[in-house]
All heavy atoms as atom14 arrays in JSON, in Angstrom:
{
  "sequence": "NYEKISPSNGKVLEILNGLKDYKMIDIPEDIPHGDMPGDKIEIGDT",
  "atom14_mask": [
    [1, 1, 1, 1, 1, 1, 1, 1, 0, 0, 0, 0, 0, 0],
    [1, 1, 1, 1, 1, 1, 1, 1, 1, 1, 1, 1, 0, 0],
    [1, 1, 1, 1, 1, 1, 1, 1, 1, 0, 0, 0, 0, 0],
    [1, 1, 1, 1, 1, 1, 1, 1, 1, 0, 0, 0, 0, 0],
    [1, 1, 1, 1, 1, 1, 1, 1, 0, 0, 0, 0, 0, 0],
    [1, 1, 1, 1, 1, 1, 0, 0, 0, 0, 0, 0, 0, 0],
    [1, 1, 1, 1, 1, 1, 1, 0, 0, 0, 0, 0, 0, 0],
    [1, 1, 1, 1, 1, 1, 0, 0, 0, 0, 0, 0, 0, 0],
    [1, 1, 1, 1, 1, 1, 1, 1, 0, 0, 0, 0, 0, 0],
    [1, 1, 1, 1, 0, 0, 0, 0, 0, 0, 0, 0, 0, 0],
    [1, 1, 1, 1, 1, 1, 1, 1, 1, 0, 0, 0, 0, 0],
    [1, 1, 1, 1, 1, 1, 1, 0, 0, 0, 0, 0, 0, 0],
    [1, 1, 1, 1, 1, 1, 1, 1, 0, 0, 0, 0, 0, 0],
    [1, 1, 1, 1, 1, 1, 1, 1, 1, 0, 0, 0, 0, 0],
    [1, 1, 1, 1, 1, 1, 1, 1, 0, 0, 0, 0, 0, 0],
    [1, 1, 1, 1, 1, 1, 1, 1, 0, 0, 0, 0, 0, 0],
    [1, 1, 1, 1, 1, 1, 1, 1, 0, 0, 0, 0, 0, 0],
    [1, 1, 1, 1, 0, 0, 0, 0, 0, 0, 0, 0, 0, 0],
    [1, 1, 1, 1, 1, 1, 1, 1, 0, 0, 0, 0, 0, 0],
    [1, 1, 1, 1, 1, 1, 1, 1, 1, 0, 0, 0, 0, 0],
    [1, 1, 1, 1, 1, 1, 1, 1, 0, 0, 0, 0, 0, 0],
    [1, 1, 1, 1, 1, 1, 1, 1, 1, 1, 1, 1, 0, 0],
    [1, 1, 1, 1, 1, 1, 1, 1, 1, 0, 0, 0, 0, 0],
    [1, 1, 1, 1, 1, 1, 1, 1, 0, 0, 0, 0, 0, 0],
    [1, 1, 1, 1, 1, 1, 1, 1, 0, 0, 0, 0, 0, 0],
    [1, 1, 1, 1, 1, 1, 1, 1, 0, 0, 0, 0, 0, 0],
    [1, 1, 1, 1, 1, 1, 1, 1, 0, 0, 0, 0, 0, 0],
    [1, 1, 1, 1, 1, 1, 1, 0, 0, 0, 0, 0, 0, 0],
    [1, 1, 1, 1, 1, 1, 1, 1, 1, 0, 0, 0, 0, 0],
    [1, 1, 1, 1, 1, 1, 1, 1, 0, 0, 0, 0, 0, 0],
    [1, 1, 1, 1, 1, 1, 1, 1, 0, 0, 0, 0, 0, 0],
    [1, 1, 1, 1, 1, 1, 1, 0, 0, 0, 0, 0, 0, 0],
    [1, 1, 1, 1, 1, 1, 1, 1, 1, 1, 0, 0, 0, 0],
    [1, 1, 1, 1, 0, 0, 0, 0, 0, 0, 0, 0, 0, 0],
    [1, 1, 1, 1, 1, 1, 1, 1, 0, 0, 0, 0, 0, 0],
    [1, 1, 1, 1, 1, 1, 1, 1, 0, 0, 0, 0, 0, 0],
    [1, 1, 1, 1, 1, 1, 1, 0, 0, 0, 0, 0, 0, 0],
    [1, 1, 1, 1, 0, 0, 0, 0, 0, 0, 0, 0, 0, 0],
    [1, 1, 1, 1, 1, 1, 1, 1, 0, 0, 0, 0, 0, 0],
    [1, 1, 1, 1, 1, 1, 1, 1, 1, 0, 0, 0, 0, 0],
    [1, 1, 1, 1, 1, 1, 1, 1, 0, 0, 0, 0, 0, 0],
    [1, 1, 1, 1, 1, 1, 1, 1, 1, 0, 0, 0, 0, 0],
    [1, 1, 1, 1, 1, 1, 1, 1, 0, 0, 0, 0, 0, 0],
    [1, 1, 1, 1, 0, 0, 0, 0, 0, 0, 0, 0, 0, 0],
    [1, 1, 1, 1, 1, 1, 1, 1, 0, 0, 0, 0, 0, 0],
    [1, 1, 1, 1, 1, 1, 1, 0, 0, 0, 0, 0, 0, 0]
  ],
  "atom14_positions": [
    [[66.14, 138.46, 59.13], [65.02, 137.49, 59.21], [65.52, 136.18, 59.79], [65.28, 135.14, 59.27], [64.38, 137.25, 57.82], [63.75, 138.53, 57.27], [63.13, 139.28, 58.06], [63.89, 138.76, 56.0], [0.0, 0.0, 0.0], [0.0, 0.0, 0.0], [0.0, 0.0, 0.0], [0.0, 0.0, 0.0], [0.0, 0.0, 0.0], [0.0, 0.0, 0.0]],
    [[66.29, 136.26, 60.95], [66.81, 135.08, 61.53], [65.86, 134.45, 62.5], [64.96, 135.16, 63.06], [68.12, 135.41, 62.24], [68.13, 136.67, 63.0], [67.46, 136.84, 64.18], [68.81, 137.82, 62.51], [67.45, 138.06, 64.9], [68.82, 139.02, 63.2], [68.16, 139.13, 64.37], [68.13, 140.3, 65.06], [0.0, 0.0, 0.0], [0.0, 0.0, 0.0]],
    [[65.97, 133.15, 62.64], [65.15, 132.44, 63.65], [65.66, 132.79, 65.05], [66.9, 132.88, 65.29], [65.18, 130.95, 63.39], [64.28, 130.17, 64.33], [64.39, 128.67, 63.99], [65.17, 128.25, 63.13], [63.72, 127.87, 64.79], [0.0, 0.0, 0.0], [0.0, 0.0, 0.0], [0.0, 0.0, 0.0], [0.0, 0.0, 0.0], [0.0, 0.0, 0.0]],
    [[64.72, 132.97, 65.98], [65.09, 133.38, 67.31], [64.88, 132.24, 68.33], [64.12, 131.34, 68.12], [64.31, 134.6, 67.78], [64.54, 135.83, 66.95], [63.82, 137.05, 67.59], [64.08, 138.29, 66.81], [63.43, 139.48, 67.46], [0.0, 0.0, 0.0], [0.0, 0.0, 0.0], [0.0, 0.0, 0.0], [0.0, 0.0, 0.0], [0.0, 0.0, 0.0]],
    [[65.6, 132.35, 69.43], [65.43, 131.4, 70.51], [64.27, 131.91, 71.35], [63.75, 132.98, 71.11], [66.67, 131.3, 71.42], [66.98, 132.67, 72.08], [67.84, 130.85, 70.65], [68.06, 132.62, 73.1], [0.0, 0.0, 0.0], [0.0, 0.0, 0.0], [0.0, 0.0, 0.0], [0.0, 0.0, 0.0], [0.0, 0.0, 0.0], [0.0, 0.0, 0.0]],
    [[63.81, 131.1, 72.27], [62.68, 131.49, 73.17], [63.2, 132.5, 74.2], [64.38, 132.46, 74.62], [62.1, 130.3, 73.88], [61.61, 129.39, 72.88], [0.0, 0.0, 0.0], [0.0, 0.0, 0.0], [0.0, 0.0, 0.0], [0.0, 0.0, 0.0], [0.0, 0.0, 0.0], [0.0, 0.0, 0.0], [0.0, 0.0, 0.0], [0.0, 0.0, 0.0]],
    [[62.35, 133.41, 74.64], [62.73, 134.33, 75.72], [63.2, 133.59, 76.95], [62.86, 132.45, 77.15], [61.42, 135.11, 76.01], [60.69, 135.05, 74.7], [60.96, 133.7, 74.13], [0.0, 0.0, 0.0], [0.0, 0.0, 0.0], [0.0, 0.0, 0.0], [0.0, 0.0, 0.0], [0.0, 0.0, 0.0], [0.0, 0.0, 0.0], [0.0, 0.0, 0.0]],
    [[64.02, 134.28, 77.76], [64.68, 133.64, 78.86], [63.71, 133.36, 80.05], [62.68, 133.94, 80.15], [65.8, 134.53, 79.42], [66.35, 134.05, 80.58], [0.0, 0.0, 0.0], [0.0, 0.0, 0.0], [0.0, 0.0, 0.0], [0.0, 0.0, 0.0], [0.0, 0.0, 0.0], [0.0, 0.0, 0.0], [0.0, 0.0, 0.0], [0.0, 0.0, 0.0]],
    [[64.14, 132.35, 80.89], [63.32, 131.98, 82.04], [64.03, 132.38, 83.41], [63.69, 131.89, 84.43], [63.01, 130.51, 82.03], [64.25, 129.66, 82.02], [65.36, 130.2, 82.18], [64.07, 128.36, 81.9], [0.0, 0.0, 0.0], [0.0, 0.0, 0.0], [0.0, 0.0, 0.0], [0.0, 0.0, 0.0], [0.0, 0.0, 0.0], [0.0, 0.0, 0.0]],
    [[65.08, 133.21, 83.24], [65.77, 133.63, 84.49], [66.91, 132.71, 84.91], [67.51, 132.94, 85.98], [0.0, 0.0, 0.0], [0.0, 0.0, 0.0], [0.0, 0.0, 0.0], [0.0, 0.0, 0.0], [0.0, 0.0, 0.0], [0.0, 0.0, 0.0], [0.0, 0.0, 0.0], [0.0, 0.0, 0.0], [0.0, 0.0, 0.0], [0.0, 0.0, 0.0]],
    [[67.21, 131.72, 84.12], [68.24, 130.76, 84.49], [69.61, 131.38, 84.64], [70.37, 131.12, 85.58], [68.28, 129.6, 83.47], [69.43, 128.62, 83.7], [69.48, 127.55, 82.58], [70.69, 126.67, 82.8], [70.8, 125.66, 81.67], [0.0, 0.0, 0.0], [0.0, 0.0, 0.0], [0.0, 0.0, 0.0], [0.0, 0.0, 0.0], [0.0, 0.0, 0.0]],
    [[69.95, 132.29, 83.68], [71.34, 132.85, 83.69], [71.52, 133.74, 84.95], [72.56, 133.69, 85.57], [71.54, 133.73, 82.44], [72.91, 134.41, 82.43], [71.4, 132.85, 81.22], [0.0, 0.0, 0.0], [0.0, 0.0, 0.0], [0.0, 0.0, 0.0], [0.0, 0.0, 0.0], [0.0, 0.0, 0.0], [0.0, 0.0, 0.0], [0.0, 0.0, 0.0]],
    [[70.5, 134.58, 85.27], [70.61, 135.37, 86.49], [70.77, 134.52, 87.72], [71.52, 134.85, 88.66], [69.41, 136.32, 86.58], [69.42, 137.25, 87.76], [70.63, 138.18, 87.69], [68.14, 138.1, 87.8], [0.0, 0.0, 0.0], [0.0, 0.0, 0.0], [0.0, 0.0, 0.0], [0.0, 0.0, 0.0], [0.0, 0.0, 0.0], [0.0, 0.0, 0.0]],
    [[70.06, 133.39, 87.72], [70.12, 132.51, 88.87], [71.56, 131.95, 89.09], [72.05, 131.9, 90.16], [69.15, 131.34, 88.75], [69.11, 130.35, 89.86], [68.19, 129.2, 89.66], [67.35, 129.31, 88.72], [68.27, 128.21, 90.39], [0.0, 0.0, 0.0], [0.0, 0.0, 0.0], [0.0, 0.0, 0.0], [0.0, 0.0, 0.0], [0.0, 0.0, 0.0]],
    [[72.16, 131.6, 87.91], [73.53, 131.1, 87.98], [74.5, 132.21, 88.47], [75.36, 132.0, 89.32], [73.98, 130.6, 86.6], [73.15, 129.36, 86.21], [75.47, 130.25, 86.6], [73.43, 128.85, 84.81], [0.0, 0.0, 0.0], [0.0, 0.0, 0.0], [0.0, 0.0, 0.0], [0.0, 0.0, 0.0], [0.0, 0.0, 0.0], [0.0, 0.0, 0.0]],
    [[74.34, 133.41, 87.9], [75.17, 134.48, 88.33], [75.06, 134.8, 89.81], [76.09, 135.05, 90.48], [74.81, 135.76, 87.48], [75.17, 135.75, 86.02], [74.56, 136.98, 85.34], [76.67, 135.71, 85.8], [0.0, 0.0, 0.0], [0.0, 0.0, 0.0], [0.0, 0.0, 0.0], [0.0, 0.0, 0.0], [0.0, 0.0, 0.0], [0.0, 0.0, 0.0]],
    [[73.88, 134.77, 90.31], [73.66, 135.04, 91.74], [74.29, 133.97, 92.63], [74.65, 134.21, 93.83], [72.16, 135.11, 92.07], [71.53, 136.41, 91.62], [72.2, 137.42, 91.57], [70.26, 136.38, 91.23], [0.0, 0.0, 0.0], [0.0, 0.0, 0.0], [0.0, 0.0, 0.0], [0.0, 0.0, 0.0], [0.0, 0.0, 0.0], [0.0, 0.0, 0.0]],
    [[74.5, 132.8, 92.08], [75.11, 131.72, 92.82], [76.62, 131.67, 92.75], [77.27, 130.8, 93.34], [0.0, 0.0, 0.0], [0.0, 0.0, 0.0], [0.0, 0.0, 0.0], [0.0, 0.0, 0.0], [0.0, 0.0, 0.0], [0.0, 0.0, 0.0], [0.0, 0.0, 0.0], [0.0, 0.0, 0.0], [0.0, 0.0, 0.0], [0.0, 0.0, 0.0]],
    [[77.22, 132.66, 92.01], [78.67, 132.65, 91.82], [79.39, 133.68, 92.68], [80.55, 133.96, 92.5], [78.96, 133.0, 90.34], [78.65, 131.94, 89.34], [78.9, 132.45, 87.91], [79.43, 130.69, 89.61], [0.0, 0.0, 0.0], [0.0, 0.0, 0.0], [0.0, 0.0, 0.0], [0.0, 0.0, 0.0], [0.0, 0.0, 0.0], [0.0, 0.0, 0.0]],
    [[78.68, 134.18, 93.77], [79.33, 135.21, 94.62], [80.58, 134.67, 95.32], [81.46, 135.46, 95.65], [78.33, 135.76, 95.59], [77.72, 134.7, 96.51], [76.68, 135.39, 97.43], [76.06, 134.37, 98.38], [75.05, 134.98, 99.28], [0.0, 0.0, 0.0], [0.0, 0.0, 0.0], [0.0, 0.0, 0.0], [0.0, 0.0, 0.0], [0.0, 0.0, 0.0]],
    [[80.63, 133.37, 95.59], [81.78, 132.83, 96.32], [82.67, 131.98, 95.34], [83.39, 131.11, 95.73], [81.34, 131.92, 97.41], [80.61, 132.68, 98.53], [80.94, 133.83, 98.81], [79.6, 132.11, 99.03], [0.0, 0.0, 0.0], [0.0, 0.0, 0.0], [0.0, 0.0, 0.0], [0.0, 0.0, 0.0], [0.0, 0.0, 0.0], [0.0, 0.0, 0.0]],
    [[82.66, 132.44, 94.06], [83.32, 131.7, 93.03], [84.87, 131.74, 93.25], [85.44, 132.77, 93.64], [83.07, 132.27, 91.67], [83.69, 131.55, 90.53], [83.09, 130.42, 89.95], [84.98, 131.92, 90.06], [83.69, 129.68, 88.94], [85.56, 131.25, 89.02], [84.91, 130.17, 88.47], [85.52, 129.42, 87.43], [0.0, 0.0, 0.0], [0.0, 0.0, 0.0]],
    [[85.5, 130.55, 93.15], [86.94, 130.49, 93.25], [87.5, 129.94, 91.92], [86.84, 129.28, 91.15], [87.35, 129.5, 94.38], [86.91, 130.02, 95.76], [87.36, 129.05, 96.84], [86.95, 129.57, 98.22], [87.37, 128.68, 99.3], [0.0, 0.0, 0.0], [0.0, 0.0, 0.0], [0.0, 0.0, 0.0], [0.0, 0.0, 0.0], [0.0, 0.0, 0.0]],
    [[88.78, 130.35, 91.64], [89.43, 129.98, 90.36], [89.43, 128.44, 90.22], [89.82, 127.72, 91.14], [90.87, 130.49, 90.35], [91.55, 130.37, 89.02], [90.76, 131.36, 87.8], [91.81, 131.08, 86.32], [0.0, 0.0, 0.0], [0.0, 0.0, 0.0], [0.0, 0.0, 0.0], [0.0, 0.0, 0.0], [0.0, 0.0, 0.0], [0.0, 0.0, 0.0]],
    [[89.06, 128.04, 89.03], [89.01, 126.61, 88.75], [90.29, 126.18, 88.03], [91.09, 127.04, 87.56], [87.81, 126.25, 87.82], [87.91, 127.08, 86.47], [86.55, 126.52, 88.56], [86.79, 126.76, 85.54], [0.0, 0.0, 0.0], [0.0, 0.0, 0.0], [0.0, 0.0, 0.0], [0.0, 0.0, 0.0], [0.0, 0.0, 0.0], [0.0, 0.0, 0.0]],
    [[90.57, 124.89, 87.98], [91.68, 124.41, 87.25], [91.48, 124.62, 85.74], [90.41, 124.36, 85.22], [91.91, 122.95, 87.5], [92.35, 122.66, 88.93], [92.95, 123.54, 89.54], [92.05, 121.54, 89.43], [0.0, 0.0, 0.0], [0.0, 0.0, 0.0], [0.0, 0.0, 0.0], [0.0, 0.0, 0.0], [0.0, 0.0, 0.0], [0.0, 0.0, 0.0]],
    [[92.51, 125.17, 85.1], [92.43, 125.48, 83.66], [93.3, 124.49, 82.9], [94.53, 124.43, 83.13], [92.87, 126.91, 83.34], [92.14, 127.92, 84.15], [92.74, 127.18, 81.84], [90.65, 128.03, 83.87], [0.0, 0.0, 0.0], [0.0, 0.0, 0.0], [0.0, 0.0, 0.0], [0.0, 0.0, 0.0], [0.0, 0.0, 0.0], [0.0, 0.0, 0.0]],
    [[92.72, 123.63, 82.01], [93.53, 122.76, 81.2], [94.41, 123.49, 80.21], [94.21, 124.67, 79.95], [92.54, 121.87, 80.53], [91.29, 122.7, 80.45], [91.3, 123.56, 81.72], [0.0, 0.0, 0.0], [0.0, 0.0, 0.0], [0.0, 0.0, 0.0], [0.0, 0.0, 0.0], [0.0, 0.0, 0.0], [0.0, 0.0, 0.0], [0.0, 0.0, 0.0]],
    [[95.42, 122.84, 79.67], [96.33, 123.51, 78.78], [95.67, 123.98, 77.48], [95.94, 125.03, 76.97], [97.54, 122.58, 78.4], [98.44, 122.3, 79.57], [99.65, 121.52, 79.18], [99.83, 121.29, 77.96], [100.45, 121.08, 80.07], [0.0, 0.0, 0.0], [0.0, 0.0, 0.0], [0.0, 0.0, 0.0], [0.0, 0.0, 0.0], [0.0, 0.0, 0.0]],
    [[94.72, 123.16, 76.95], [94.1, 123.48, 75.7], [92.63, 123.83, 75.87], [91.82, 122.93, 76.11], [94.26, 122.28, 74.68], [93.78, 122.63, 73.32], [93.64, 123.84, 72.99], [93.48, 121.68, 72.53], [0.0, 0.0, 0.0], [0.0, 0.0, 0.0], [0.0, 0.0, 0.0], [0.0, 0.0, 0.0], [0.0, 0.0, 0.0], [0.0, 0.0, 0.0]],
    [[92.27, 125.09, 75.84], [90.93, 125.51, 75.93], [90.44, 126.26, 74.73], [91.28, 126.73, 73.92], [90.71, 126.41, 77.18], [91.45, 127.71, 77.01], [91.07, 125.7, 78.5], [91.2, 128.72, 78.16], [0.0, 0.0, 0.0], [0.0, 0.0, 0.0], [0.0, 0.0, 0.0], [0.0, 0.0, 0.0], [0.0, 0.0, 0.0], [0.0, 0.0, 0.0]],
    [[89.16, 126.27, 74.42], [88.72, 127.03, 73.2], [89.15, 128.44, 73.27], [89.28, 129.09, 74.34], [87.18, 126.93, 73.33], [86.94, 125.75, 74.2], [88.08, 125.7, 75.17], [0.0, 0.0, 0.0], [0.0, 0.0, 0.0], [0.0, 0.0, 0.0], [0.0, 0.0, 0.0], [0.0, 0.0, 0.0], [0.0, 0.0, 0.0], [0.0, 0.0, 0.0]],
    [[89.4, 129.02, 72.07], [89.81, 130.44, 71.97], [89.12, 131.15, 70.86], [88.17, 130.6, 70.28], [91.34, 130.54, 71.84], [91.93, 129.77, 70.69], [91.91, 130.25, 69.41], [92.51, 128.52, 70.62], [92.5, 129.36, 68.6], [92.86, 128.29, 69.35], [0.0, 0.0, 0.0], [0.0, 0.0, 0.0], [0.0, 0.0, 0.0], [0.0, 0.0, 0.0]],
    [[89.53, 132.31, 70.53], [88.79, 133.18, 69.55], [88.81, 132.49, 68.19], [89.53, 131.53, 67.91], [0.0, 0.0, 0.0], [0.0, 0.0, 0.0], [0.0, 0.0, 0.0], [0.0, 0.0, 0.0], [0.0, 0.0, 0.0], [0.0, 0.0, 0.0], [0.0, 0.0, 0.0], [0.0, 0.0, 0.0], [0.0, 0.0, 0.0], [0.0, 0.0, 0.0]],
    [[87.96, 133.08, 67.29], [87.71, 132.42, 65.98], [88.57, 132.96, 64.86], [88.26, 132.78, 63.69], [86.21, 132.55, 65.63], [85.72, 133.96, 65.62], [86.53, 134.93, 65.66], [84.49, 134.12, 65.58], [0.0, 0.0, 0.0], [0.0, 0.0, 0.0], [0.0, 0.0, 0.0], [0.0, 0.0, 0.0], [0.0, 0.0, 0.0], [0.0, 0.0, 0.0]],
    [[89.69, 133.59, 65.15], [90.64, 134.08, 64.12], [91.4, 132.88, 63.62], [92.05, 132.2, 64.34], [91.59, 135.13, 64.74], [92.57, 135.67, 63.78], [91.8, 136.81, 62.58], [93.17, 137.32, 61.59], [0.0, 0.0, 0.0], [0.0, 0.0, 0.0], [0.0, 0.0, 0.0], [0.0, 0.0, 0.0], [0.0, 0.0, 0.0], [0.0, 0.0, 0.0]],
    [[91.3, 132.62, 62.25], [91.98, 131.46, 61.71], [93.51, 131.5, 61.97], [94.14, 132.51, 61.78], [91.66, 131.55, 60.23], [90.39, 132.32, 60.13], [90.5, 133.32, 61.28], [0.0, 0.0, 0.0], [0.0, 0.0, 0.0], [0.0, 0.0, 0.0], [0.0, 0.0, 0.0], [0.0, 0.0, 0.0], [0.0, 0.0, 0.0], [0.0, 0.0, 0.0]],
    [[94.05, 130.39, 62.44], [95.47, 130.28, 62.62], [96.01, 130.93, 63.9], [97.22, 130.86, 64.18], [0.0, 0.0, 0.0], [0.0, 0.0, 0.0], [0.0, 0.0, 0.0], [0.0, 0.0, 0.0], [0.0, 0.0, 0.0], [0.0, 0.0, 0.0], [0.0, 0.0, 0.0], [0.0, 0.0, 0.0], [0.0, 0.0, 0.0], [0.0, 0.0, 0.0]],
    [[95.12, 131.6, 64.66], [95.57, 132.28, 65.88], [95.92, 131.24, 66.92], [95.2, 130.3, 67.12], [94.52, 133.24, 66.4], [95.1, 134.29, 67.3], [96.3, 134.5, 67.25], [94.31, 134.93, 68.06], [0.0, 0.0, 0.0], [0.0, 0.0, 0.0], [0.0, 0.0, 0.0], [0.0, 0.0, 0.0], [0.0, 0.0, 0.0], [0.0, 0.0, 0.0]],
    [[97.03, 131.48, 67.64], [97.42, 130.6, 68.69], [97.6, 131.38, 70.04], [97.97, 132.52, 69.99], [98.76, 129.94, 68.4], [98.69, 129.01, 67.13], [100.1, 128.37, 66.92], [100.04, 127.46, 65.68], [101.31, 126.88, 65.33], [0.0, 0.0, 0.0], [0.0, 0.0, 0.0], [0.0, 0.0, 0.0], [0.0, 0.0, 0.0], [0.0, 0.0, 0.0]],
    [[97.21, 130.77, 71.1], [97.34, 131.41, 72.38], [98.2, 130.59, 73.34], [98.22, 129.36, 73.23], [95.97, 131.71, 73.01], [95.26, 130.41, 73.37], [95.15, 132.63, 72.15], [94.01, 130.61, 74.17], [0.0, 0.0, 0.0], [0.0, 0.0, 0.0], [0.0, 0.0, 0.0], [0.0, 0.0, 0.0], [0.0, 0.0, 0.0], [0.0, 0.0, 0.0]],
    [[98.89, 131.22, 74.21], [99.71, 130.54, 75.17], [99.35, 131.11, 76.57], [99.76, 132.22, 76.92], [101.2, 130.71, 74.92], [101.65, 130.07, 73.59], [103.14, 130.22, 73.35], [103.83, 130.69, 74.27], [103.63, 129.79, 72.29], [0.0, 0.0, 0.0], [0.0, 0.0, 0.0], [0.0, 0.0, 0.0], [0.0, 0.0, 0.0], [0.0, 0.0, 0.0]],
    [[98.54, 130.37, 77.3], [98.08, 130.86, 78.6], [99.05, 130.53, 79.68], [99.44, 129.36, 79.87], [96.68, 130.25, 78.93], [95.62, 130.74, 77.89], [96.25, 130.58, 80.35], [94.29, 130.12, 78.03], [0.0, 0.0, 0.0], [0.0, 0.0, 0.0], [0.0, 0.0, 0.0], [0.0, 0.0, 0.0], [0.0, 0.0, 0.0], [0.0, 0.0, 0.0]],
    [[99.46, 131.59, 80.43], [100.39, 131.43, 81.49], [99.73, 131.74, 82.85], [98.58, 132.13, 82.92], [0.0, 0.0, 0.0], [0.0, 0.0, 0.0], [0.0, 0.0, 0.0], [0.0, 0.0, 0.0], [0.0, 0.0, 0.0], [0.0, 0.0, 0.0], [0.0, 0.0, 0.0], [0.0, 0.0, 0.0], [0.0, 0.0, 0.0], [0.0, 0.0, 0.0]],
    [[100.53, 131.62, 83.89], [99.98, 131.88, 85.24], [99.56, 133.35, 85.38], [98.59, 133.63, 86.07], [101.04, 131.59, 86.31], [101.29, 130.04, 86.41], [100.41, 129.3, 86.0], [102.37, 129.69, 86.87], [0.0, 0.0, 0.0], [0.0, 0.0, 0.0], [0.0, 0.0, 0.0], [0.0, 0.0, 0.0], [0.0, 0.0, 0.0], [0.0, 0.0, 0.0]],
    [[100.26, 134.25, 84.71], [99.9, 135.64, 84.8], [98.51, 135.91, 84.19], [97.7, 136.65, 84.77], [100.9, 136.55, 84.04], [102.19, 136.35, 84.59], [100.49, 138.0, 84.13], [0.0, 0.0, 0.0], [0.0, 0.0, 0.0], [0.0, 0.0, 0.0], [0.0, 0.0, 0.0], [0.0, 0.0, 0.0], [0.0, 0.0, 0.0], [0.0, 0.0, 0.0]]
  ]
}
């Protein structure tokens, strides 16, 4: 019995359609990660 959001207006599909020429962005050292308590990640070039 959870509260729901409103149905979509097509915004997500519009964004996806605009990403066909997407190029890799700069990734900062500290980005959000999974919700496992105490888990640490080390992101490398690979």
